[in-house]
Amino acid sequence: MNTIILTIHLILALSLVICVLLQRSEGGALGIGGGGGGFMTSRAQSNLLTRATAMLAAAFMATSLTLAILASQDRKPQSVLDQGVTPRPSAPATPQAPTRPGVPLGR
């Protein structure tokens, strides 16, 4: 179930990015399809892309919430005090002498 929703979520994310990049910006620097006389007028194209962006954003938010709810169902609250105390070592480790030949020992 998580895999299916995650796949849909990723497809929605990519579609949303593409839809936003296709829209004409205010400055016109990033807009693709700004030429005249195309299949759709600029006003109809703007309305279509705006509605598509809104629908994709709503679906993206829905899948985000669904994934968050599914992820939190398996978790149980835990306390640090419930885990118990780990014993500490009783004595510090003893230092070892270097074993490589040619390493001078300190005097």
PDB file of N, CA and C in Angstrom:
ATOM      1  N   MET A   1       0.816  -1.186   0.000  1.00  0.00           N
ATOM      2  CA  MET A   1       0.000   0.000   0.000  1.00  0.00           C
ATOM      3  C   MET A   1       0.867   1.259   0.000  1.00  0.00           C
ATOM      4  N   ASN A   2       1.902   1.257   0.856  1.00  0.00           N
ATOM      5  CA  ASN A   2       2.788   2.414   0.905  1.00  0.00           C
ATOM      6  C   ASN A   2       3.504   2.627  -0.417  1.00  0.00           C
ATOM      7  N   THR A   3       3.900   1.530  -1.055  1.00  0.00           N
ATOM      8  CA  THR A   3       4.636   1.633  -2.312  1.00  0.00           C
ATOM      9  C   THR A   3       3.767   2.248  -3.403  1.00  0.00           C
ATOM     10  N   ILE A   4       2.508   1.869  -3.451  1.00  0.00           N
ATOM     11  CA  ILE A   4       1.609   2.400  -4.473  1.00  0.00           C
ATOM     12  C   ILE A   4       1.389   3.890  -4.259  1.00  0.00           C
ATOM     13  N   ILE A   5       1.129   4.275  -3.010  1.00  0.00           N
ATOM     14  CA  ILE A   5       0.892   5.693  -2.728  1.00  0.00           C
ATOM     15  C   ILE A   5       2.163   6.504  -2.942  1.00  0.00           C
ATOM     16  N   LEU A   6       3.307   5.943  -2.592  1.00  0.00           N
ATOM     17  CA  LEU A   6       4.569   6.648  -2.809  1.00  0.00           C
ATOM     18  C   LEU A   6       4.844   6.832  -4.290  1.00  0.00           C
ATOM     19  N   THR A   7       4.536   5.830  -5.110  1.00  0.00           N
ATOM     20  CA  THR A   7       4.715   5.953  -6.557  1.00  0.00           C
ATOM     21  C   THR A   7       3.800   7.041  -7.125  1.00  0.00           C
ATOM     22  N   ILE A   8       2.553   7.042  -6.688  1.00  0.00           N
ATOM     23  CA  ILE A   8       1.621   8.086  -7.126  1.00  0.00           C
ATOM     24  C   ILE A   8       2.113   9.454  -6.670  1.00  0.00           C
ATOM     25  N   HIS A   9       2.638   9.526  -5.463  1.00  0.00           N
ATOM     26  CA  HIS A   9       3.162  10.784  -4.918  1.00  0.00           C
ATOM     27  C   HIS A   9       4.315  11.317  -5.773  1.00  0.00           C
ATOM     28  N   LEU A  10       5.221  10.443  -6.163  1.00  0.00           N
ATOM     29  CA  LEU A  10       6.351  10.871  -6.997  1.00  0.00           C
ATOM     30  C   LEU A  10       5.899  11.324  -8.387  1.00  0.00           C
ATOM     31  N   ILE A  11       4.935  10.624  -8.960  1.00  0.00           N
ATOM     32  CA  ILE A  11       4.401  11.028 -10.265  1.00  0.00           C
ATOM     33  C   ILE A  11       3.723  12.391 -10.152  1.00  0.00           C
ATOM     34  N   LEU A  12       2.972  12.600  -9.075  1.00  0.00           N
ATOM     35  CA  LEU A  12       2.331  13.895  -8.865  1.00  0.00           C
ATOM     36  C   LEU A  12       3.359  15.008  -8.687  1.00  0.00           C
ATOM     37  N   ALA A  13       4.445  14.717  -7.977  1.00  0.00           N
ATOM     38  CA  ALA A  13       5.483  15.726  -7.763  1.00  0.00           C
ATOM     39  C   ALA A  13       6.124  16.131  -9.090  1.00  0.00           C
ATOM     40  N   LEU A  14       6.456  15.161  -9.910  1.00  0.00           N
ATOM     41  CA  LEU A  14       7.046  15.477 -11.218  1.00  0.00           C
ATOM     42  C   LEU A  14       6.060  16.230 -12.106  1.00  0.00           C
ATOM     43  N   SER A  15       4.805  15.816 -12.096  1.00  0.00           N
ATOM     44  CA  SER A  15       3.791  16.489 -12.897  1.00  0.00           C
ATOM     45  C   SER A  15       3.580  17.922 -12.428  1.00  0.00           C
ATOM     46  N   LEU A  16       3.625  18.123 -11.136  1.00  0.00           N
ATOM     47  CA  LEU A  16       3.449  19.461 -10.588  1.00  0.00           C
ATOM     48  C   LEU A  16       4.608  20.374 -10.981  1.00  0.00           C
ATOM     49  N   VAL A  17       5.814  19.864 -10.946  1.00  0.00           N
ATOM     50  CA  VAL A  17       6.977  20.655 -11.355  1.00  0.00           C
ATOM     51  C   VAL A  17       6.871  21.031 -12.831  1.00  0.00           C
ATOM     52  N   ILE A  18       6.508  20.074 -13.655  1.00  0.00           N
ATOM     53  CA  ILE A  18       6.381  20.348 -15.093  1.00  0.00           C
ATOM     54  C   ILE A  18       5.271  21.357 -15.348  1.00  0.00           C
ATOM     55  N   CYS A  19       4.163  21.209 -14.651  1.00  0.00           N
ATOM     56  CA  CYS A  19       3.032  22.119 -14.842  1.00  0.00           C
ATOM     57  C   CYS A  19       3.396  23.543 -14.430  1.00  0.00           C
ATOM     58  N   VAL A  20       4.128  23.690 -13.351  1.00  0.00           N
ATOM     59  CA  VAL A  20       4.530  25.027 -12.907  1.00  0.00           C
ATOM     60  C   VAL A  20       5.526  25.637 -13.887  1.00  0.00           C
ATOM     61  N   LEU A  21       6.437  24.831 -14.404  1.00  0.00           N
ATOM     62  CA  LEU A  21       7.430  25.365 -15.340  1.00  0.00           C
ATOM     63  C   LEU A  21       6.815  25.738 -16.689  1.00  0.00           C
ATOM     64  N   LEU A  22       5.709  25.120 -17.058  1.00  0.00           N
ATOM     65  CA  LEU A  22       5.053  25.459 -18.320  1.00  0.00           C
ATOM     66  C   LEU A  22       4.285  26.766 -18.247  1.00  0.00           C
ATOM     67  N   GLN A  23       3.958  27.209 -17.063  1.00  0.00           N
ATOM     68  CA  GLN A  23       3.186  28.443 -16.939  1.00  0.00           C
ATOM     69  C   GLN A  23       4.032  29.646 -17.303  1.00  0.00           C
ATOM     70  N   ARG A  24       3.384  30.623 -17.830  1.00  0.00           N
ATOM     71  CA  ARG A  24       4.074  31.848 -18.231  1.00  0.00           C
ATOM     72  C   ARG A  24       4.311  32.692 -16.990  1.00  0.00           C
ATOM     73  N   SER A  25       5.541  33.108 -16.810  1.00  0.00           N
ATOM     74  CA  SER A  25       5.866  33.941 -15.663  1.00  0.00           C
ATOM     75  C   SER A  25       5.490  35.382 -15.968  1.00  0.00           C
ATOM     76  N   GLU A  26       5.518  36.222 -14.956  1.00  0.00           N
ATOM     77  CA  GLU A  26       5.163  37.628 -15.136  1.00  0.00           C
ATOM     78  C   GLU A  26       6.157  38.322 -16.057  1.00  0.00           C
ATOM     79  N   GLY A  27       7.427  37.988 -15.931  1.00  0.00           N
ATOM     80  CA  GLY A  27       8.435  38.604 -16.772  1.00  0.00           C
ATOM     81  C   GLY A  27       8.553  37.924 -18.127  1.00  0.00           C
ATOM     82  N   GLY A  28       8.028  36.725 -18.238  1.00  0.00           N
ATOM     83  CA  GLY A  28       8.104  35.995 -19.494  1.00  0.00           C
ATOM     84  C   GLY A  28       9.438  35.319 -19.722  1.00  0.00           C
ATOM     85  N   ALA A  29      10.297  35.279 -18.720  1.00  0.00           N
ATOM     86  CA  ALA A  29      11.625  34.716 -18.909  1.00  0.00           C
ATOM     87  C   ALA A  29      11.601  33.197 -18.973  1.00  0.00           C
ATOM     88  N   LEU A  30      10.730  32.553 -18.181  1.00  0.00           N
ATOM     89  CA  LEU A  30      10.715  31.099 -18.138  1.00  0.00           C
ATOM     90  C   LEU A  30       9.555  30.494 -18.900  1.00  0.00           C
ATOM     91  N   GLY A  31       8.689  31.312 -19.424  1.00  0.00           N
ATOM     92  CA  GLY A  31       7.499  30.794 -20.094  1.00  0.00           C
ATOM     93  C   GLY A  31       7.842  30.101 -21.397  1.00  0.00           C
ATOM     94  N   ILE A  32       7.279  28.921 -21.595  1.00  0.00           N
ATOM     95  CA  ILE A  32       7.438  28.188 -22.846  1.00  0.00           C
ATOM     96  C   ILE A  32       6.129  28.336 -23.593  1.00  0.00           C
ATOM     97  N   GLY A  33       6.056  28.416 -24.789  1.00  0.00           N
ATOM     98  CA  GLY A  33       4.777  28.516 -25.485  1.00  0.00           C
ATOM     99  C   GLY A  33       4.181  29.901 -25.399  1.00  0.00           C
ATOM    100  N   GLY A  34       4.988  30.906 -25.490  1.00  0.00           N
ATOM    101  CA  GLY A  34       4.475  32.266 -25.416  1.00  0.00           C
ATOM    102  C   GLY A  34       4.115  32.833 -26.775  1.00  0.00           C
ATOM    103  N   GLY A  35       4.402  32.105 -27.842  1.00  0.00           N
ATOM    104  CA  GLY A  35       4.121  32.619 -29.184  1.00  0.00           C
ATOM    105  C   GLY A  35       2.636  32.697 -29.458  1.00  0.00           C
ATOM    106  N   GLY A  36       2.250  33.501 -30.417  1.00  0.00           N
ATOM    107  CA  GLY A  36       0.840  33.665 -30.726  1.00  0.00           C
ATOM    108  C   GLY A  36       0.360  32.623 -31.724  1.00  0.00           C
ATOM    109  N   GLY A  37      -0.939  32.548 -31.925  1.00  0.00           N
ATOM    110  CA  GLY A  37      -1.534  31.708 -32.955  1.00  0.00           C
ATOM    111  C   GLY A  37      -1.338  30.226 -32.779  1.00  0.00           C
ATOM    112  N   GLY A  38      -1.320  29.721 -31.581  1.00  0.00           N
ATOM    113  CA  GLY A  38      -1.143  28.300 -31.343  1.00  0.00           C
ATOM    114  C   GLY A  38      -2.471  27.581 -31.252  1.00  0.00           C
ATOM    115  N   PHE A  39      -2.441  26.380 -30.728  1.00  0.00           N
ATOM    116  CA  PHE A  39      -3.640  25.570 -30.573  1.00  0.00           C
ATOM    117  C   PHE A  39      -4.621  26.235 -29.615  1.00  0.00           C
ATOM    118  N   MET A  40      -4.112  26.747 -28.511  1.00  0.00           N
ATOM    119  CA  MET A  40      -4.963  27.398 -27.524  1.00  0.00           C
ATOM    120  C   MET A  40      -4.509  28.838 -27.379  1.00  0.00           C
ATOM    121  N   THR A  41      -5.432  29.704 -27.081  1.00  0.00           N
ATOM    122  CA  THR A  41      -5.039  31.082 -26.821  1.00  0.00           C
ATOM    123  C   THR A  41      -4.319  31.141 -25.496  1.00  0.00           C
ATOM    124  N   SER A  42      -3.614  32.227 -25.258  1.00  0.00           N
ATOM    125  CA  SER A  42      -2.838  32.320 -24.020  1.00  0.00           C
ATOM    126  C   SER A  42      -3.750  32.357 -22.804  1.00  0.00           C
ATOM    127  N   ARG A  43      -4.939  32.936 -22.963  1.00  0.00           N
ATOM    128  CA  ARG A  43      -5.872  32.995 -21.821  1.00  0.00           C
ATOM    129  C   ARG A  43      -6.397  31.597 -21.489  1.00  0.00           C
ATOM    130  N   ALA A  44      -6.774  30.820 -22.488  1.00  0.00           N
ATOM    131  CA  ALA A  44      -7.277  29.468 -22.248  1.00  0.00           C
ATOM    132  C   ALA A  44      -6.173  28.570 -21.708  1.00  0.00           C
ATOM    133  N   GLN A  45      -4.969  28.751 -22.220  1.00  0.00           N
ATOM    134  CA  GLN A  45      -3.843  27.960 -21.735  1.00  0.00           C
ATOM    135  C   GLN A  45      -3.548  28.310 -20.277  1.00  0.00           C
ATOM    136  N   SER A  46      -3.637  29.585 -19.940  1.00  0.00           N
ATOM    137  CA  SER A  46      -3.391  30.013 -18.576  1.00  0.00           C
ATOM    138  C   SER A  46      -4.427  29.423 -17.626  1.00  0.00           C
ATOM    139  N   ASN A  47      -5.694  29.444 -18.024  1.00  0.00           N
ATOM    140  CA  ASN A  47      -6.741  28.876 -17.184  1.00  0.00           C
ATOM    141  C   ASN A  47      -6.555  27.373 -17.002  1.00  0.00           C
ATOM    142  N   LEU A  48      -6.215  26.672 -18.080  1.00  0.00           N
ATOM    143  CA  LEU A  48      -6.011  25.234 -18.010  1.00  0.00           C
ATOM    144  C   LEU A  48      -4.837  24.880 -17.103  1.00  0.00           C
ATOM    145  N   LEU A  49      -3.722  25.581 -17.263  1.00  0.00           N
ATOM    146  CA  LEU A  49      -2.546  25.291 -16.439  1.00  0.00           C
ATOM    147  C   LEU A  49      -2.775  25.660 -14.979  1.00  0.00           C
ATOM    148  N   THR A  50      -3.511  26.721 -14.736  1.00  0.00           N
ATOM    149  CA  THR A  50      -3.798  27.117 -13.361  1.00  0.00           C
ATOM    150  C   THR A  50      -4.670  26.074 -12.673  1.00  0.00           C
ATOM    151  N   ARG A  51      -5.677  25.603 -13.368  1.00  0.00           N
ATOM    152  CA  ARG A  51      -6.548  24.576 -12.791  1.00  0.00           C
ATOM    153  C   ARG A  51      -5.804  23.254 -12.622  1.00  0.00           C
ATOM    154  N   ALA A  52      -4.990  22.908 -13.594  1.00  0.00           N
ATOM    155  CA  ALA A  52      -4.214  21.661 -13.485  1.00  0.00           C
ATOM    156  C   ALA A  52      -3.238  21.737 -12.316  1.00  0.00           C
ATOM    157  N   THR A  53      -2.616  22.897 -12.128  1.00  0.00           N
ATOM    158  CA  THR A  53      -1.700  23.067 -11.003  1.00  0.00           C
ATOM    159  C   THR A  53      -2.434  22.943  -9.675  1.00  0.00           C
ATOM    160  N   ALA A  54      -3.608  23.523  -9.583  1.00  0.00           N
ATOM    161  CA  ALA A  54      -4.385  23.450  -8.344  1.00  0.00           C
ATOM    162  C   ALA A  54      -4.806  22.011  -8.049  1.00  0.00           C
ATOM    163  N   MET A  55      -5.234  21.285  -9.070  1.00  0.00           N
ATOM    164  CA  MET A  55      -5.640  19.890  -8.857  1.00  0.00           C
ATOM    165  C   MET A  55      -4.449  19.019  -8.483  1.00  0.00           C
ATOM    166  N   LEU A  56      -3.316  19.216  -9.158  1.00  0.00           N
ATOM    167  CA  LEU A  56      -2.124  18.439  -8.829  1.00  0.00           C
ATOM    168  C   LEU A  56      -1.629  18.758  -7.421  1.00  0.00           C
ATOM    169  N   ALA A  57      -1.697  20.034  -7.035  1.00  0.00           N
ATOM    170  CA  ALA A  57      -1.267  20.410  -5.688  1.00  0.00           C
ATOM    171  C   ALA A  57      -2.173  19.791  -4.625  1.00  0.00           C
ATOM    172  N   ALA A  58      -3.473  19.768  -4.884  1.00  0.00           N
ATOM    173  CA  ALA A  58      -4.402  19.161  -3.924  1.00  0.00           C
ATOM    174  C   ALA A  58      -4.157  17.661  -3.807  1.00  0.00           C
ATOM    175  N   ALA A  59      -3.924  16.995  -4.924  1.00  0.00           N
ATOM    176  CA  ALA A  59      -3.645  15.564  -4.897  1.00  0.00           C
ATOM    177  C   ALA A  59      -2.300  15.286  -4.208  1.00  0.00           C
ATOM    178  N   PHE A  60      -1.322  16.151  -4.441  1.00  0.00           N
ATOM    179  CA  PHE A  60      -0.009  16.006  -3.803  1.00  0.00           C
ATOM    180  C   PHE A  60      -0.135  16.124  -2.290  1.00  0.00           C
ATOM    181  N   MET A  61      -0.917  17.103  -1.825  1.00  0.00           N
ATOM    182  CA  MET A  61      -1.115  17.270  -0.384  1.00  0.00           C
ATOM    183  C   MET A  61      -1.871  16.079   0.206  1.00  0.00           C
ATOM    184  N   ALA A  62      -2.836  15.550  -0.532  1.00  0.00           N
ATOM    185  CA  ALA A  62      -3.593  14.394  -0.046  1.00  0.00           C
ATOM    186  C   ALA A  62      -2.692  13.171   0.095  1.00  0.00           C
ATOM    187  N   THR A  63      -1.834  12.932  -0.892  1.00  0.00           N
ATOM    188  CA  THR A  63      -0.926  11.785  -0.781  1.00  0.00           C
ATOM    189  C   THR A  63       0.110  12.013   0.319  1.00  0.00           C
ATOM    190  N   SER A  64       0.521  13.265   0.532  1.00  0.00           N
ATOM    191  CA  SER A  64       1.462  13.561   1.622  1.00  0.00           C
ATOM    192  C   SER A  64       0.844  13.228   2.974  1.00  0.00           C
ATOM    193  N   LEU A  65      -0.393  13.665   3.166  1.00  0.00           N
ATOM    194  CA  LEU A  65      -1.074  13.369   4.425  1.00  0.00           C
ATOM    195  C   LEU A  65      -1.309  11.876   4.598  1.00  0.00           C
ATOM    196  N   THR A  66      -1.677  11.200   3.522  1.00  0.00           N
ATOM    197  CA  THR A  66      -1.907   9.758   3.588  1.00  0.00           C
ATOM    198  C   THR A  66      -0.629   9.019   3.964  1.00  0.00           C
ATOM    199  N   LEU A  67       0.480   9.393   3.353  1.00  0.00           N
ATOM    200  CA  LEU A  67       1.759   8.752   3.683  1.00  0.00           C
ATOM    201  C   LEU A  67       2.165   9.028   5.129  1.00  0.00           C
ATOM    202  N   ALA A  68       1.910  10.233   5.608  1.00  0.00           N
ATOM    203  CA  ALA A  68       2.250  10.558   7.002  1.00  0.00           C
ATOM    204  C   ALA A  68       1.398   9.752   7.974  1.00  0.00           C
ATOM    205  N   ILE A  69       0.117   9.597   7.663  1.00  0.00           N
ATOM    206  CA  ILE A  69      -0.763   8.818   8.543  1.00  0.00           C
ATOM    207  C   ILE A  69      -0.367   7.351   8.534  1.00  0.00           C
ATOM    208  N   LEU A  70      -0.062   6.808   7.360  1.00  0.00           N
ATOM    209  CA  LEU A  70       0.338   5.402   7.276  1.00  0.00           C
ATOM    210  C   LEU A  70       1.663   5.151   7.989  1.00  0.00           C
ATOM    211  N   ALA A  71       2.564   6.109   7.928  1.00  0.00           N
ATOM    212  CA  ALA A  71       3.860   5.939   8.588  1.00  0.00           C
ATOM    213  C   ALA A  71       3.731   5.990  10.107  1.00  0.00           C
ATOM    214  N   SER A  72       2.767   6.753  10.597  1.00  0.00           N
ATOM    215  CA  SER A  72       2.642   6.886  12.049  1.00  0.00           C
ATOM    216  C   SER A  72       1.822   5.762  12.683  1.00  0.00           C
ATOM    217  N   GLN A  73       1.148   4.947  11.909  1.00  0.00           N
ATOM    218  CA  GLN A  73       0.337   3.869  12.476  1.00  0.00           C
ATOM    219  C   GLN A  73       1.178   2.767  13.100  1.00  0.00           C
ATOM    220  N   ASP A  74       2.337   2.493  12.561  1.00  0.00           N
ATOM    221  CA  ASP A  74       3.172   1.401  13.060  1.00  0.00           C
ATOM    222  C   ASP A  74       3.989   1.791  14.282  1.00  0.00           C
ATOM    223  N   ARG A  75       4.096   3.053  14.566  1.00  0.00           N
ATOM    224  CA  ARG A  75       4.929   3.513  15.669  1.00  0.00           C
ATOM    225  C   ARG A  75       4.167   3.481  16.978  1.00  0.00           C
ATOM    226  N   LYS A  76       4.871   3.095  18.013  1.00  0.00           N
ATOM    227  CA  LYS A  76       4.314   3.119  19.352  1.00  0.00           C
ATOM    228  C   LYS A  76       5.162   4.066  20.185  1.00  0.00           C
ATOM    229  N   PRO A  77       4.555   4.794  21.089  1.00  0.00           N
ATOM    230  CA  PRO A  77       5.355   5.712  21.912  1.00  0.00           C
ATOM    231  C   PRO A  77       6.327   4.934  22.795  1.00  0.00           C
ATOM    232  N   GLN A  78       7.550   5.427  22.847  1.00  0.00           N
ATOM    233  CA  GLN A  78       8.576   4.782  23.658  1.00  0.00           C
ATOM    234  C   GLN A  78       9.171   5.795  24.615  1.00  0.00           C
ATOM    235  N   SER A  79       9.610   5.309  25.731  1.00  0.00           N
ATOM    236  CA  SER A  79      10.256   6.149  26.716  1.00  0.00           C
ATOM    237  C   SER A  79      11.685   5.672  26.905  1.00  0.00           C
ATOM    238  N   VAL A  80      12.549   6.584  27.194  1.00  0.00           N
ATOM    239  CA  VAL A  80      13.939   6.225  27.464  1.00  0.00           C
ATOM    240  C   VAL A  80      14.024   5.407  28.741  1.00  0.00           C
ATOM    241  N   LEU A  81      13.142   5.683  29.684  1.00  0.00           N
ATOM    242  CA  LEU A  81      13.171   4.964  30.961  1.00  0.00           C
ATOM    243  C   LEU A  81      12.739   3.514  30.804  1.00  0.00           C
ATOM    244  N   ASP A  82      11.936   3.198  29.787  1.00  0.00           N
ATOM    245  CA  ASP A  82      11.490   1.828  29.568  1.00  0.00           C
ATOM    246  C   ASP A  82      12.592   0.935  29.001  1.00  0.00           C
ATOM    247  N   GLN A  83      13.618   1.514  28.441  1.00  0.00           N
ATOM    248  CA  GLN A  83      14.667   0.726  27.799  1.00  0.00           C
ATOM    249  C   GLN A  83      15.614   0.096  28.804  1.00  0.00           C
ATOM    250  N   GLY A  84      15.700   0.603  30.009  1.00  0.00           N
ATOM    251  CA  GLY A  84      16.597   0.042  31.009  1.00  0.00           C
ATOM    252  C   GLY A  84      17.946   0.736  30.972  1.00  0.00           C
ATOM    253  N   VAL A  85      18.768   0.385  31.945  1.00  0.00           N
ATOM    254  CA  VAL A  85      20.079   0.992  32.077  1.00  0.00           C
ATOM    255  C   VAL A  85      21.116   0.028  31.535  1.00  0.00           C
ATOM    256  N   THR A  86      22.016   0.507  30.701  1.00  0.00           N
ATOM    257  CA  THR A  86      23.098  -0.334  30.195  1.00  0.00           C
ATOM    258  C   THR A  86      24.264  -0.261  31.179  1.00  0.00           C
ATOM    259  N   PRO A  87      24.890  -1.396  31.509  1.00  0.00           N
ATOM    260  CA  PRO A  87      26.002  -1.371  32.468  1.00  0.00           C
ATOM    261  C   PRO A  87      27.231  -0.713  31.857  1.00  0.00           C
ATOM    262  N   ARG A  88      27.948   0.005  32.701  1.00  0.00           N
ATOM    263  CA  ARG A  88      29.191   0.643  32.267  1.00  0.00           C
ATOM    264  C   ARG A  88      30.350  -0.301  32.519  1.00  0.00           C
ATOM    265  N   PRO A  89      31.413  -0.173  31.736  1.00  0.00           N
ATOM    266  CA  PRO A  89      32.588  -1.012  32.009  1.00  0.00           C
ATOM    267  C   PRO A  89      33.200  -0.640  33.364  1.00  0.00           C
ATOM    268  N   SER A  90      33.706  -1.664  34.063  1.00  0.00           N
ATOM    269  CA  SER A  90      34.196  -1.442  35.420  1.00  0.00           C
ATOM    270  C   SER A  90      35.583  -0.805  35.443  1.00  0.00           C
ATOM    271  N   ALA A  91      36.427  -1.083  34.461  1.00  0.00           N
ATOM    272  CA  ALA A  91      37.778  -0.528  34.456  1.00  0.00           C
ATOM    273  C   ALA A  91      38.068   0.042  33.064  1.00  0.00           C
ATOM    274  N   PRO A  92      38.859   1.083  33.020  1.00  0.00           N
ATOM    275  CA  PRO A  92      39.197   1.621  31.700  1.00  0.00           C
ATOM    276  C   PRO A  92      40.106   0.652  30.942  1.00  0.00           C
ATOM    277  N   ALA A  93      40.080   0.744  29.660  1.00  0.00           N
ATOM    278  CA  ALA A  93      40.915  -0.128  28.826  1.00  0.00           C
ATOM    279  C   ALA A  93      42.375   0.231  29.021  1.00  0.00           C
ATOM    280  N   THR A  94      43.214  -0.773  29.016  1.00  0.00           N
ATOM    281  CA  THR A  94      44.648  -0.531  29.173  1.00  0.00           C
ATOM    282  C   THR A  94      45.242  -0.200  27.822  1.00  0.00           C
ATOM    283  N   PRO A  95      46.144   0.777  27.778  1.00  0.00           N
ATOM    284  CA  PRO A  95      46.753   1.131  26.493  1.00  0.00           C
ATOM    285  C   PRO A  95      47.706   0.038  26.024  1.00  0.00           C
ATOM    286  N   GLN A  96      47.730  -0.192  24.742  1.00  0.00           N
ATOM    287  CA  GLN A  96      48.597  -1.200  24.145  1.00  0.00           C
ATOM    288  C   GLN A  96      49.855  -0.535  23.602  1.00  0.00           C
ATOM    289  N   ALA A  97      50.953  -1.260  23.656  1.00  0.00           N
ATOM    290  CA  ALA A  97      52.208  -0.757  23.108  1.00  0.00           C
ATOM    291  C   ALA A  97      52.144  -0.846  21.586  1.00  0.00           C
ATOM    292  N   PRO A  98      52.786   0.080  20.876  1.00  0.00           N
ATOM    293  CA  PRO A  98      52.775   0.022  19.413  1.00  0.00           C
ATOM    294  C   PRO A  98      53.461  -1.247  18.922  1.00  0.00           C
ATOM    295  N   THR A  99      52.909  -1.844  17.881  1.00  0.00           N
ATOM    296  CA  THR A  99      53.452  -3.093  17.369  1.00  0.00           C
ATOM    297  C   THR A  99      54.210  -2.905  16.070  1.00  0.00           C
ATOM    298  N   ARG A 100      54.170  -1.732  15.483  1.00  0.00           N
ATOM    299  CA  ARG A 100      54.900  -1.525  14.243  1.00  0.00           C
ATOM    300  C   ARG A 100      56.387  -1.365  14.523  1.00  0.00           C
ATOM    301  N   PRO A 101      57.238  -2.022  13.749  1.00  0.00           N
ATOM    302  CA  PRO A 101      58.679  -1.835  13.960  1.00  0.00           C
ATOM    303  C   PRO A 101      59.097  -0.455  13.473  1.00  0.00           C
ATOM    304  N   GLY A 102      60.068   0.103  14.121  1.00  0.00           N
ATOM    305  CA  GLY A 102      60.608   1.394  13.711  1.00  0.00           C
ATOM    306  C   GLY A 102      59.900   2.571  14.336  1.00  0.00           C
ATOM    307  N   VAL A 103      58.876   2.316  15.158  1.00  0.00           N
ATOM    308  CA  VAL A 103      58.193   3.422  15.851  1.00  0.00           C
ATOM    309  C   VAL A 103      58.910   3.629  17.170  1.00  0.00           C
ATOM    310  N   PRO A 104      59.470   4.807  17.393  1.00  0.00           N
ATOM    311  CA  PRO A 104      60.210   5.027  18.633  1.00  0.00           C
ATOM    312  C   PRO A 104      59.262   5.117  19.815  1.00  0.00           C
ATOM    313  N   LEU A 105      59.689   4.546  20.916  1.00  0.00           N
ATOM    314  CA  LEU A 105      58.926   4.627  22.148  1.00  0.00           C
ATOM    315  C   LEU A 105      59.372   5.843  22.919  1.00  0.00           C
ATOM    316  N   GLY A 106      58.504   6.482  23.628  1.00  0.00           N
ATOM    317  CA  GLY A 106      58.836   7.685  24.385  1.00  0.00           C
ATOM    318  C   GLY A 106      59.735   7.366  25.562  1.00  0.00           C
ATOM    319  N   ARG A 107      60.637   8.268  25.935  1.00  0.00           N
ATOM    320  CA  ARG A 107      61.539   8.047  27.082  1.00  0.00           C
ATOM    321  C   ARG A 107      61.059   8.796  28.275  1.00  0.00           C
TER     322      ARG A 107
END
